[in-house]
Each structure stands twice: as C-alpha cells, then as structure tokens.
Amino acid sequence: MQGAKTTAAMNFVGSVPPRTWLLLSAATGAWLAFRSPSYKYAGSQSDYDDMLDELGIDPAVAKAVMKIEAGGKSRVAGRIVIRFESHVFKRESRGGIVLLPGMATHRDGRRRFSDRKRSFTERQAEEYRALARAADISEEAAYRSISMGIAQIMGFNRKRLGFKSAKEMFLTFQDSPDVAQKIAFLKYVASDRRLLKAARSRDFRTFARIYNGDKTGRYASRMEKAYDAVA
C-alpha cells in the first residue's frame, strides 16, 4: 500500500518517452477514457510489457512490488484483493470507526489479527466485511480507504489513475482483465518522477519510502529480496 497522500503533479514531460505517454493515455482503446464504473481497461500483456520497456523499468522490479503487496495475487475467489485500512477510513470519513477482528483501536493495524499465520490475502472475507460496514457509514470514504489489486494502490490515489471516484476505480479493477491492475501500477509509478527514477535505478530504499511510506527500511529489504528471487 502507499504511505502518505501525495499531490504530485502528473507532469510526464521529460520523464516518460512520447510513445509511453500515448500508451498510458490512449492504449489500444483509450483506457483512460472511463465512460462508466463498469468500463473495462483496454490493454494486454504485450501493452504492459511495452510500457515496462518504454519506462525503463526492469520487469523484476514490478514483480517484486506485486509479490510484497499481495503475494503476486490479483484476485481471491474471483474478487480483487483488497486491504481495508481503519486509520485511513477514520481520516477520510472524518471520524468513522470500523475495526477488524482483533483490533482494539483504528491504529492497531499491525496487531489486528490474532492469527498471524495467515496473510491478509487469505483473510479477504474479513476485509470485504469491513469495507461493507464502512460503506454503510460513508461509501466513497470506504473505497478511498482500501488498497486494491496486485499492487495494492490506495483508493485515495484514484485521481492519479484517471478515476473520478475510488468506487469507480474499484469497479473498473474488478470488471477488467487482471493485466489492467499491472498497467495501473505503471501509470501510478510514472505519475511521480521520483518514484519512476527509483524504479528505473533499482533504488529500493527510495522507492519503498515513496510508495509505501517505509521509514525503517523493512519494506526496502523485502523488496530487494523479492527482486533477487525473480530477477
């Protein structure tokens, strides 16, 4: 998931080749021209591979991030992988509280489950129940408070991916081929020059700090190990 909210301008000039800008903005079907919440991303695995090449990102870097974020999974039981963040929901809803099993407070994210042997991807039923409870309080705030898909992009980053709402982002991910989530990850990275530079140079520490808010180096260490495993 991403760390602190960012307001980086989506200025691609000088950081992304012209051909990639065309791919990102109009890839074989104008995948940014979302016409409705059910509009599906266009694009294919070959489009994704072309974007990696044009952006200058080692495919193993992207694989490493996706491995850390969601165990390399796009879906579980047909639903996109999500993670509900209680502390984000409290902020986005201006005070709403929804706790998951094992949580004492909204800040108790790392200790929220007593069963530590299962990853959150194996607890998707709990995550979706929390989303539903939060949506009863404030629907859009609920969707802004989940990280989504194989790269676990937070809903509050919806505008960086061209969506009008976090719910639209969720439904589009759900209704589109899984490669759409990978394409969205590249768009997210390309929207921040510092993040793109870190990805290109395999600067795991800087990438982890910007993408995940990592201040301890733990995410960067995991990313480096995941990279070595797939490179």
Foldseek 3Di string as FASTA:
>chain_A
DFDDDDDFFQDLPPQFDPVLVCCLQQNPHRQLPDPDLLDAGDDDVVSLVVNCVRLLFDVLLLCLLLCVPQVVDQDDPLAGDKAFQQVQLCVLLVHDGFAFAQDPGSVRVVRRDPPPVDDVSVVRVRRVVSLVVSVVSPNQSSLQRMQTGSNRHGLVCQVLSNDPTSSSVRSNSSNYPNVVVSSSVSSNQSSDSQLSVCRNVVVLVSNCCRGHVDDPCPRSVSSVVSSVVPD
